[in-house]
Protein backbone atom coordinates (compact mmCIF):
# COMPACT_ATOMS: atom_id res chain seq x y z
CA MET A 1 -22.17 16.73 7.23
CA SER A 2 -18.61 15.75 8.64
CA SER A 3 -18.15 14.10 11.28
CA GLY A 4 -14.72 16.21 12.06
CA LEU A 5 -12.72 12.67 12.31
CA GLN A 6 -9.63 12.92 9.35
CA LYS A 7 -8.43 8.81 8.04
CA LYS A 8 -5.10 8.66 8.78
CA THR A 9 -2.54 8.32 5.94
CA TYR A 10 0.01 6.15 4.81
CA THR A 11 2.55 6.39 2.22
CA VAL A 12 2.83 3.40 -0.01
CA VAL A 13 5.63 2.48 -2.00
CA ILE A 14 5.58 0.83 -4.96
CA THR A 15 8.55 -0.22 -7.16
CA THR A 16 8.60 -2.50 -10.35
CA ASP A 17 9.96 -5.86 -9.20
CA ARG A 18 13.03 -5.98 -12.25
CA VAL A 19 13.66 -9.32 -11.52
CA ASP A 20 10.57 -11.50 -11.61
CA GLY A 21 8.23 -8.66 -12.92
CA GLY A 22 4.95 -7.55 -11.65
CA PHE A 23 5.20 -4.37 -8.68
CA ILE A 24 6.84 -5.03 -4.62
CA GLY A 25 4.70 -2.41 -2.72
CA LYS A 26 6.48 -1.13 1.24
CA CYS A 27 4.86 1.17 3.86
CA GLU A 28 7.35 1.37 6.17
CA GLU A 29 5.43 3.14 8.19
CA LEU A 30 3.62 -0.06 9.74
CA HIS A 31 6.13 -2.38 8.16
CA ALA A 32 3.44 -3.61 5.81
CA TYR A 33 5.00 -5.78 2.59
CA SER A 34 3.34 -7.35 -0.09
CA GLN A 35 3.78 -7.44 -3.80
CA GLY A 36 1.79 -8.13 -7.27
CA GLU A 37 1.75 -9.82 -10.74
CA THR A 38 -0.46 -6.17 -11.87
CA TYR A 39 -1.03 -2.53 -10.97
CA GLY A 40 -4.35 -3.64 -9.42
CA GLU A 41 -3.39 -6.52 -8.08
CA ILE A 42 -0.55 -4.60 -6.12
CA MET A 43 -3.27 -1.89 -4.96
CA ALA A 44 -5.00 -4.78 -3.55
CA ASN A 45 -2.37 -6.62 -1.94
CA MET A 46 -1.38 -3.50 0.00
CA LYS A 47 -4.38 -2.67 1.49
CA GLU A 48 -4.63 -5.75 2.91
CA ALA A 49 -1.56 -6.09 4.51
CA ILE A 50 -2.30 -2.35 5.92
CA GLU A 51 -5.87 -3.85 7.35
CA VAL A 52 -3.60 -6.84 8.84
CA SER A 53 -1.24 -4.34 10.29
CA LEU A 54 -3.80 -1.96 11.79
CA ASP A 55 -6.39 -4.57 12.55
CA GLU A 56 -8.89 -2.15 10.67
CA SER A 57 -11.29 -2.76 7.92
CA VAL A 58 -10.75 -1.17 4.36
CA GLY A 59 -12.09 2.75 4.12
CA ASN A 60 -10.55 3.90 7.97
CA PHE A 61 -7.34 4.91 6.08
CA ASN A 62 -5.97 6.61 2.68
CA MET A 63 -2.89 5.09 1.00
CA LEU A 64 -0.72 7.50 -0.90
CA ILE A 65 0.95 6.05 -3.35
CA VAL A 66 4.16 7.25 -4.70
CA GLN A 67 6.06 5.93 -7.64
CA ASP A 68 9.31 4.81 -6.93
CA GLY A 69 11.72 4.18 -10.14
CA GLN A 70 14.66 1.81 -8.58
CA GLY A 71 12.89 -1.49 -8.49
CA SER A 72 14.53 -4.50 -7.66
């Protein structure tokens, strides 16, 4: 049974950091930014950055991941 409440979805753009290696993530809707050495690390760091911006616990939102090949 559904509670009828939809989770908010935030767009997260992930780019490869061509200068230092690893990944850079940004959610411009919330002005949340982070970086990570691995894809798994950037995903965890972006979840945390969004949680801090929202003052919410994990699971109260969804992330729409967009890969941007531009990088720094």
